[in-house]
N, C-alpha and C. Protein backbone atom coordinates (compact mmCIF):
# COMPACT_ATOMS: atom_id res chain seq x y z
N MET A 1 -0.62 -13.94 32.92
CA MET A 1 -0.46 -14.19 33.86
C MET A 1 -0.94 -15.63 34.29
N ASN A 2 -0.43 -16.68 34.93
CA ASN A 2 -0.81 -17.61 35.28
C ASN A 2 -1.31 -17.92 36.70
N ALA A 3 -2.59 -18.11 36.76
CA ALA A 3 -3.50 -18.16 37.90
C ALA A 3 -4.19 -19.43 38.11
N LEU A 4 -4.02 -19.83 39.35
CA LEU A 4 -4.73 -20.84 39.95
C LEU A 4 -6.14 -20.71 40.62
N ILE A 5 -7.03 -21.05 40.12
CA ILE A 5 -8.19 -20.76 40.51
C ILE A 5 -8.68 -21.63 41.27
N ASP A 6 -9.14 -21.02 42.73
CA ASP A 6 -9.78 -21.97 43.72
C ASP A 6 -10.95 -22.44 43.80
N THR A 7 -11.73 -23.87 43.87
CA THR A 7 -12.72 -24.56 43.68
C THR A 7 -13.94 -23.28 43.91
N CYS A 8 -13.76 -22.65 45.01
CA CYS A 8 -14.98 -22.03 45.12
C CYS A 8 -15.52 -21.09 44.24
N ILE A 9 -14.55 -20.50 43.70
CA ILE A 9 -14.67 -19.39 42.42
C ILE A 9 -15.50 -20.19 41.36
N ILE A 10 -14.75 -21.36 40.94
CA ILE A 10 -15.41 -22.45 40.09
C ILE A 10 -16.81 -22.47 40.29
N ILE A 11 -17.54 -22.85 41.18
CA ILE A 11 -18.38 -23.20 42.03
C ILE A 11 -19.73 -22.45 41.97
N ASP A 12 -19.07 -21.13 42.07
CA ASP A 12 -19.97 -19.98 42.66
C ASP A 12 -20.25 -19.49 40.73
N ALA A 13 -19.19 -19.74 39.71
CA ALA A 13 -19.52 -19.42 38.48
C ALA A 13 -20.78 -20.31 37.78
N LEU A 14 -20.19 -21.82 38.02
CA LEU A 14 -21.31 -22.69 37.45
C LEU A 14 -22.52 -22.86 37.96
N GLN A 15 -22.76 -22.54 39.31
CA GLN A 15 -24.10 -22.76 40.13
C GLN A 15 -24.73 -21.67 40.28
N SER A 16 -24.07 -20.50 39.94
CA SER A 16 -24.61 -19.18 39.89
C SER A 16 -24.67 -18.76 41.64
N ARG A 17 -23.95 -18.73 42.32
CA ARG A 17 -24.44 -18.20 43.73
C ARG A 17 -23.98 -17.09 43.88
N GLU A 18 -25.18 -16.46 44.53
CA GLU A 18 -25.35 -14.89 44.79
C GLU A 18 -24.48 -14.89 46.11
N PRO A 19 -23.88 -13.98 46.66
CA PRO A 19 -23.44 -12.51 45.59
C PRO A 19 -22.10 -12.82 45.13
N PHE A 20 -21.60 -14.03 44.79
CA PHE A 20 -20.41 -14.14 44.11
C PHE A 20 -20.40 -14.37 42.67
N SER A 21 -21.56 -14.65 41.95
CA SER A 21 -21.55 -15.28 40.63
C SER A 21 -20.82 -14.30 39.85
N LYS A 22 -21.09 -12.92 39.81
CA LYS A 22 -20.47 -11.88 38.58
C LYS A 22 -19.02 -12.19 38.48
N ASP A 23 -18.34 -11.48 40.17
CA ASP A 23 -16.88 -11.67 39.68
C ASP A 23 -16.21 -13.44 39.36
N ALA A 24 -17.02 -14.24 39.83
CA ALA A 24 -16.39 -15.65 39.60
C ALA A 24 -17.02 -15.83 37.83
N GLU A 25 -17.91 -15.23 37.41
CA GLU A 25 -18.29 -15.50 35.98
C GLU A 25 -17.02 -14.50 35.26
N ALA A 26 -17.08 -13.44 35.83
CA ALA A 26 -15.50 -12.21 34.87
C ALA A 26 -14.63 -13.14 34.94
N VAL A 27 -14.05 -13.89 35.95
CA VAL A 27 -12.63 -14.70 35.89
C VAL A 27 -12.99 -15.51 34.55
N PHE A 28 -14.01 -16.53 34.75
CA PHE A 28 -13.99 -17.40 33.30
C PHE A 28 -14.07 -16.71 32.21
N MET A 29 -14.79 -15.36 32.13
CA MET A 29 -14.46 -14.73 30.92
C MET A 29 -13.17 -14.53 30.63
N SER A 30 -12.29 -14.06 31.68
CA SER A 30 -10.73 -14.03 31.39
C SER A 30 -9.77 -14.81 31.16
N VAL A 31 -10.55 -15.79 31.35
CA VAL A 31 -9.66 -17.19 31.03
C VAL A 31 -10.02 -17.62 29.58
N ALA A 32 -11.48 -17.79 29.30
CA ALA A 32 -11.77 -17.94 27.90
C ALA A 32 -11.27 -17.09 26.85
N ASN A 33 -11.21 -15.47 27.46
CA ASN A 33 -10.73 -14.84 26.53
C ASN A 33 -9.27 -14.70 26.54
N ARG A 34 -8.61 -15.24 26.84
CA ARG A 34 -6.98 -15.35 26.93
C ARG A 34 -6.52 -14.09 27.81
N ARG A 35 -6.94 -13.71 28.35
CA ARG A 35 -6.70 -12.78 29.31
C ARG A 35 -5.34 -13.11 30.24
N CYS A 36 -5.46 -14.32 30.96
CA CYS A 36 -4.69 -15.15 31.53
C CYS A 36 -4.99 -16.67 31.53
N VAL A 37 -4.06 -17.24 31.69
CA VAL A 37 -3.90 -18.98 31.60
C VAL A 37 -4.73 -19.42 32.99
N GLY A 38 -5.54 -19.84 33.15
CA GLY A 38 -6.16 -20.39 34.21
C GLY A 38 -5.71 -21.95 34.69
N PHE A 39 -5.63 -21.70 36.17
CA PHE A 39 -5.39 -23.45 36.07
C PHE A 39 -6.29 -23.93 37.15
N LEU A 40 -6.39 -24.83 37.43
CA LEU A 40 -7.39 -25.82 38.27
C LEU A 40 -6.42 -26.98 38.95
N ALA A 41 -6.42 -27.30 40.44
CA ALA A 41 -5.52 -28.15 41.17
C ALA A 41 -6.32 -29.58 40.73
N ALA A 42 -5.45 -30.48 40.37
CA ALA A 42 -6.54 -31.91 40.34
C ALA A 42 -6.84 -32.16 41.11
N ASN A 43 -6.53 -31.91 42.74
CA ASN A 43 -7.39 -32.44 43.79
C ASN A 43 -8.71 -31.77 43.75
N SER A 44 -8.64 -30.60 43.10
CA SER A 44 -10.29 -29.52 43.04
C SER A 44 -11.18 -30.55 42.11
N ILE A 45 -10.92 -31.14 41.38
CA ILE A 45 -11.57 -31.42 40.25
C ILE A 45 -12.75 -32.41 40.87
N THR A 46 -11.95 -33.29 41.79
CA THR A 46 -13.35 -34.63 42.41
C THR A 46 -13.90 -33.51 43.24
N ASP A 47 -13.55 -32.32 43.99
CA ASP A 47 -14.77 -31.65 44.24
C ASP A 47 -15.38 -30.91 43.87
N ILE A 48 -14.94 -30.16 42.74
CA ILE A 48 -16.15 -29.60 41.69
C ILE A 48 -17.12 -30.99 41.42
N HIS A 49 -16.62 -32.04 40.71
CA HIS A 49 -17.16 -32.95 40.25
C HIS A 49 -18.62 -33.57 41.20
N TYR A 50 -17.86 -33.79 42.74
CA TYR A 50 -19.16 -34.08 43.43
C TYR A 50 -20.26 -32.54 43.63
N LEU A 51 -19.63 -31.91 43.82
CA LEU A 51 -20.68 -30.41 44.14
C LEU A 51 -21.56 -30.28 42.82
N MET A 52 -20.93 -30.39 41.67
CA MET A 52 -21.75 -30.10 40.19
C MET A 52 -22.78 -31.79 40.38
N HIS A 53 -22.41 -32.82 40.38
CA HIS A 53 -23.49 -33.94 40.30
C HIS A 53 -24.50 -33.54 41.58
N LYS A 54 -23.97 -33.39 42.35
CA LYS A 54 -24.83 -33.08 43.73
C LYS A 54 -26.34 -32.11 43.21
N ALA A 55 -25.38 -31.10 42.43
CA ALA A 55 -26.64 -30.28 41.81
C ALA A 55 -27.23 -30.40 40.63
N LEU A 56 -26.89 -31.23 39.52
CA LEU A 56 -27.40 -31.48 38.76
C LEU A 56 -28.27 -33.11 38.31
N HIS A 57 -27.68 -33.97 39.46
CA HIS A 57 -28.44 -34.74 39.58
C HIS A 57 -28.40 -35.88 38.25
N SER A 58 -26.95 -35.42 37.90
CA SER A 58 -26.65 -36.30 36.21
C SER A 58 -25.72 -36.53 35.92
N SER A 59 -24.70 -37.79 35.61
CA SER A 59 -23.83 -38.00 35.62
C SER A 59 -23.20 -37.48 34.21
N GLU A 60 -23.94 -37.85 33.25
CA GLU A 60 -23.89 -37.13 32.00
C GLU A 60 -23.44 -35.71 32.18
N GLU A 61 -24.51 -35.13 32.34
CA GLU A 61 -24.55 -33.66 32.58
C GLU A 61 -22.89 -33.02 33.33
N THR A 62 -22.68 -33.68 34.52
CA THR A 62 -21.60 -33.29 35.53
C THR A 62 -19.93 -33.80 34.18
N LYS A 63 -20.26 -34.72 33.73
CA LYS A 63 -19.14 -35.06 32.86
C LYS A 63 -19.17 -33.98 31.75
N LYS A 64 -20.26 -33.53 31.02
CA LYS A 64 -19.88 -32.29 30.28
C LYS A 64 -19.69 -31.01 30.86
N VAL A 65 -19.90 -30.69 31.91
CA VAL A 65 -19.27 -29.53 32.57
C VAL A 65 -17.91 -29.78 33.05
N LEU A 66 -17.34 -31.05 33.48
CA LEU A 66 -16.06 -31.11 33.53
C LEU A 66 -15.28 -30.89 32.25
N GLY A 67 -15.83 -31.21 31.46
CA GLY A 67 -15.35 -31.26 29.88
C GLY A 67 -14.96 -29.88 29.30
N ILE A 68 -15.99 -28.84 29.74
CA ILE A 68 -15.93 -27.87 29.33
C ILE A 68 -14.56 -26.63 30.32
N LEU A 69 -14.73 -27.70 31.52
CA LEU A 69 -13.62 -27.08 32.40
C LEU A 69 -12.49 -27.07 31.83
N PHE A 70 -12.11 -28.46 31.39
CA PHE A 70 -11.12 -29.17 30.95
C PHE A 70 -10.34 -28.19 29.45
N SER A 71 -11.59 -28.12 29.13
CA SER A 71 -11.17 -27.06 27.53
C SER A 71 -10.93 -25.72 27.84
N LEU A 72 -11.26 -25.29 28.92
CA LEU A 72 -10.85 -23.61 29.64
C LEU A 72 -9.55 -23.86 30.14
N PHE A 73 -9.76 -24.88 31.29
CA PHE A 73 -8.50 -24.57 32.55
C PHE A 73 -7.25 -25.51 32.21
N GLU A 74 -6.14 -25.21 32.29
CA GLU A 74 -4.96 -26.32 32.63
C GLU A 74 -5.22 -27.05 33.91
N ILE A 75 -4.72 -28.16 34.20
CA ILE A 75 -5.04 -28.66 35.10
C ILE A 75 -3.61 -28.79 35.69
N LEU A 76 -3.37 -28.33 37.03
CA LEU A 76 -2.15 -28.98 37.42
C LEU A 76 -2.23 -30.31 38.60
N ASP A 77 -1.27 -31.23 38.22
CA ASP A 77 -1.00 -32.40 39.08
C ASP A 77 -0.82 -31.88 40.84
N THR A 78 -1.38 -32.71 41.42
CA THR A 78 -0.82 -32.46 42.67
C THR A 78 0.21 -33.82 43.12
N CYS A 79 0.83 -33.38 43.67
CA CYS A 79 1.82 -34.40 43.69
C CYS A 79 2.10 -34.96 45.35
N GLY A 80 2.63 -36.12 45.58
CA GLY A 80 2.44 -36.06 46.55
C GLY A 80 3.30 -35.63 47.99
N ILE A 81 4.45 -34.52 46.96
CA ILE A 81 5.25 -33.64 47.89
C ILE A 81 4.78 -32.62 48.29
N ASP A 82 3.78 -32.00 47.59
CA ASP A 82 2.91 -31.19 47.56
C ASP A 82 2.20 -31.43 49.34
N CYS A 83 1.48 -32.61 49.37
CA CYS A 83 0.68 -33.45 50.27
C CYS A 83 1.99 -33.23 51.34
N ARG A 84 2.94 -33.52 51.56
CA ARG A 84 3.90 -33.98 52.77
C ARG A 84 4.24 -32.28 53.03
N LYS A 85 4.58 -31.62 51.99
CA LYS A 85 4.90 -30.34 52.48
C LYS A 85 3.68 -29.33 53.16
N ALA A 86 2.58 -29.59 52.80
CA ALA A 86 1.43 -28.92 53.19
C ALA A 86 1.48 -28.99 54.74
N LEU A 87 1.82 -30.38 55.31
CA LEU A 87 1.66 -30.41 56.76
C LEU A 87 2.70 -29.67 57.53
N THR A 88 3.75 -28.94 57.05
CA THR A 88 4.21 -28.32 58.03
C THR A 88 4.28 -26.98 57.14
N SER A 89 3.20 -26.67 56.55
CA SER A 89 2.89 -25.37 55.75
C SER A 89 2.33 -24.33 57.18
N SER A 90 2.57 -22.95 56.81
CA SER A 90 2.04 -21.90 57.92
C SER A 90 0.59 -21.89 57.52
N ILE A 91 0.43 -22.17 56.54
CA ILE A 91 -1.27 -22.14 56.14
C ILE A 91 -2.09 -23.12 56.97
N ALA A 92 -3.10 -23.04 57.94
CA ALA A 92 -4.05 -23.91 58.53
C ALA A 92 -4.43 -24.90 58.04
N ASP A 93 -5.25 -24.34 56.84
CA ASP A 93 -6.20 -25.47 56.53
C ASP A 93 -5.58 -26.30 55.45
N TYR A 94 -5.02 -27.47 55.86
CA TYR A 94 -4.56 -28.68 54.94
C TYR A 94 -4.57 -28.67 53.54
N GLU A 95 -6.11 -28.67 53.16
CA GLU A 95 -6.67 -28.33 51.71
C GLU A 95 -5.96 -27.15 50.94
N ASP A 96 -6.11 -25.90 51.91
CA ASP A 96 -5.36 -24.78 51.11
C ASP A 96 -4.09 -24.86 51.17
N ALA A 97 -3.52 -25.42 52.40
CA ALA A 97 -1.88 -25.80 52.04
C ALA A 97 -1.50 -26.38 51.02
N VAL A 98 -2.41 -27.74 50.54
CA VAL A 98 -2.20 -28.49 49.19
C VAL A 98 -1.96 -27.87 48.22
N MET A 99 -3.14 -26.85 47.99
CA MET A 99 -3.28 -25.91 46.94
C MET A 99 -2.09 -25.11 46.62
N VAL A 100 -1.24 -24.47 48.07
CA VAL A 100 -0.37 -23.57 48.15
C VAL A 100 0.71 -24.11 47.09
N GLU A 101 1.10 -25.52 47.85
CA GLU A 101 2.20 -25.94 47.70
C GLU A 101 1.81 -26.76 45.87
N THR A 102 1.15 -26.59 45.46
CA THR A 102 0.93 -27.26 43.95
C THR A 102 1.17 -26.06 43.22
N ALA A 103 0.62 -24.83 43.36
CA ALA A 103 0.68 -23.70 42.87
C ALA A 103 2.29 -23.08 42.69
N ALA A 104 3.06 -23.40 43.89
CA ALA A 104 4.49 -22.73 44.27
C ALA A 104 5.37 -23.64 43.36
N ARG A 105 5.09 -25.43 43.62
CA ARG A 105 5.97 -25.90 42.83
C ARG A 105 5.66 -25.87 41.27
N ALA A 106 4.62 -25.41 40.67
CA ALA A 106 4.34 -25.23 39.32
C ALA A 106 4.44 -23.55 38.88
N GLY A 107 5.42 -22.70 39.98
CA GLY A 107 5.36 -21.58 39.31
C GLY A 107 4.37 -20.73 39.22
N ILE A 108 3.25 -21.13 39.65
CA ILE A 108 1.90 -20.26 39.45
C ILE A 108 2.08 -18.69 39.70
N ASP A 109 1.69 -17.79 39.17
CA ASP A 109 1.92 -16.28 39.66
C ASP A 109 0.89 -15.91 40.52
N CYS A 110 -0.08 -16.35 40.67
CA CYS A 110 -1.03 -16.26 42.02
C CYS A 110 -2.09 -16.90 42.22
N ILE A 111 -2.76 -17.22 42.86
CA ILE A 111 -4.12 -17.91 43.68
C ILE A 111 -5.42 -16.49 43.61
N VAL A 112 -6.74 -17.45 42.76
CA VAL A 112 -7.81 -16.50 43.03
C VAL A 112 -8.81 -17.16 44.18
N THR A 113 -8.91 -16.33 44.78
CA THR A 113 -10.18 -17.30 46.14
C THR A 113 -11.17 -16.15 46.39
N ARG A 114 -11.87 -16.53 47.33
CA ARG A 114 -12.61 -15.35 47.89
C ARG A 114 -12.56 -15.89 49.45
N ASN A 115 -11.49 -16.98 49.42
CA ASN A 115 -11.37 -17.06 50.84
C ASN A 115 -9.85 -16.57 51.40
N MET A 116 -9.57 -15.30 51.19
CA MET A 116 -8.12 -14.83 51.08
C MET A 116 -7.43 -15.38 52.45
N LYS A 117 -8.41 -15.18 53.90
CA LYS A 117 -7.71 -15.03 54.80
C LYS A 117 -6.70 -16.60 55.40
N ASP A 118 -7.35 -17.61 54.52
CA ASP A 118 -6.96 -18.86 55.17
C ASP A 118 -5.66 -19.11 54.02
N TYR A 119 -5.31 -18.24 52.71
CA TYR A 119 -4.34 -18.28 51.95
C TYR A 119 -3.35 -17.29 52.71
N ALA A 120 -3.64 -16.66 53.80
CA ALA A 120 -2.34 -15.75 54.33
C ALA A 120 -1.14 -16.50 54.50
N GLY A 121 -0.13 -15.73 54.20
CA GLY A 121 1.28 -16.49 53.98
C GLY A 121 1.83 -17.26 52.81
N ALA A 122 0.85 -17.62 51.58
CA ALA A 122 1.22 -17.76 50.61
C ALA A 122 2.39 -17.30 49.88
N PRO A 123 3.29 -17.98 49.21
CA PRO A 123 4.39 -17.27 48.58
C PRO A 123 4.30 -16.82 47.30
N MET A 124 3.02 -16.46 47.08
CA MET A 124 2.49 -15.77 45.79
C MET A 124 1.15 -14.94 45.96
N PRO A 125 1.30 -13.80 45.29
CA PRO A 125 0.11 -13.07 45.59
C PRO A 125 -1.44 -13.81 45.62
N VAL A 126 -2.35 -13.68 46.69
CA VAL A 126 -3.47 -13.76 46.46
C VAL A 126 -4.76 -13.13 46.42
N TYR A 127 -5.28 -12.97 45.25
CA TYR A 127 -6.56 -12.20 44.89
C TYR A 127 -7.90 -12.77 44.98
N SER A 128 -8.62 -11.79 45.65
CA SER A 128 -10.15 -11.71 45.42
C SER A 128 -10.53 -11.97 43.97
N PRO A 129 -11.75 -12.42 43.25
CA PRO A 129 -12.00 -12.41 41.94
C PRO A 129 -12.04 -10.94 41.62
N ALA A 130 -12.71 -10.28 42.05
CA ALA A 130 -12.66 -8.47 41.87
C ALA A 130 -11.24 -7.98 41.94
N GLN A 131 -10.35 -8.18 42.70
CA GLN A 131 -8.76 -7.57 42.29
C GLN A 131 -8.45 -8.10 40.90
N PHE A 132 -8.77 -9.66 40.88
CA PHE A 132 -8.08 -10.34 39.76
C PHE A 132 -8.38 -9.45 38.58
N ILE A 133 -9.78 -9.57 38.19
CA ILE A 133 -10.11 -8.70 37.12
C ILE A 133 -9.68 -7.70 37.36
N GLU A 134 -9.80 -6.64 38.47
CA GLU A 134 -9.27 -5.32 38.25
C GLU A 134 -7.60 -5.23 37.89
N LEU A 135 -6.85 -6.32 38.41
CA LEU A 135 -5.22 -6.35 37.70
C LEU A 135 -5.39 -6.84 36.80
N LEU A 136 -5.85 -7.56 35.81
CA LEU A 136 -5.86 -8.09 34.55
C LEU A 136 -6.11 -7.00 33.19
N TYR A 137 -7.02 -5.49 34.12
CA TYR A 137 -7.55 -4.76 33.13
C TYR A 137 -6.42 -3.67 33.08
N SER A 138 -5.87 -3.77 34.31
CA SER A 138 -5.13 -2.41 34.37
C SER A 138 -3.93 -2.75 34.02
N GLU A 139 -3.34 -3.70 33.65
CA GLU A 139 -2.20 -4.47 33.04
C GLU A 139 -2.32 -4.23 31.68
N GLU A 140 -3.68 -4.02 30.91
CA GLU A 140 -3.74 -3.54 29.56
C GLU A 140 -3.69 -2.22 29.59
N GLU A 141 -3.32 -1.36 30.27
CA GLU A 141 -3.60 0.12 29.91
C GLU A 141 -1.91 0.44 30.23
């Protein structure tokens, strides 16, 4: 299964944000253990960099974190057409609409986020981290 992982899940795991970190870390482990293919949108990378640099106060450490992410996750390019389509999307939050358009263009199976209400109307299933992990394990049975 190809899953676009929302920025909030990445930050929850990397910064051990409670009460979200356990489920976010389970998503990371599922990607690392190849239970699914995890994708990040290119436009999320700059947000992740900013938030991690703010937490780590080190450019070098922040780059190491990004290097680890790049070894675990595939990166989806966000194109101009994604930005244009997001303007007319039924999804109210523009940044989320861009993510959905990027995922749809790339044929992604689902989106994993804890901000599910903002993704209502997406053309693919949207799961919370806990729902996604449950789905991955139920598919093995």
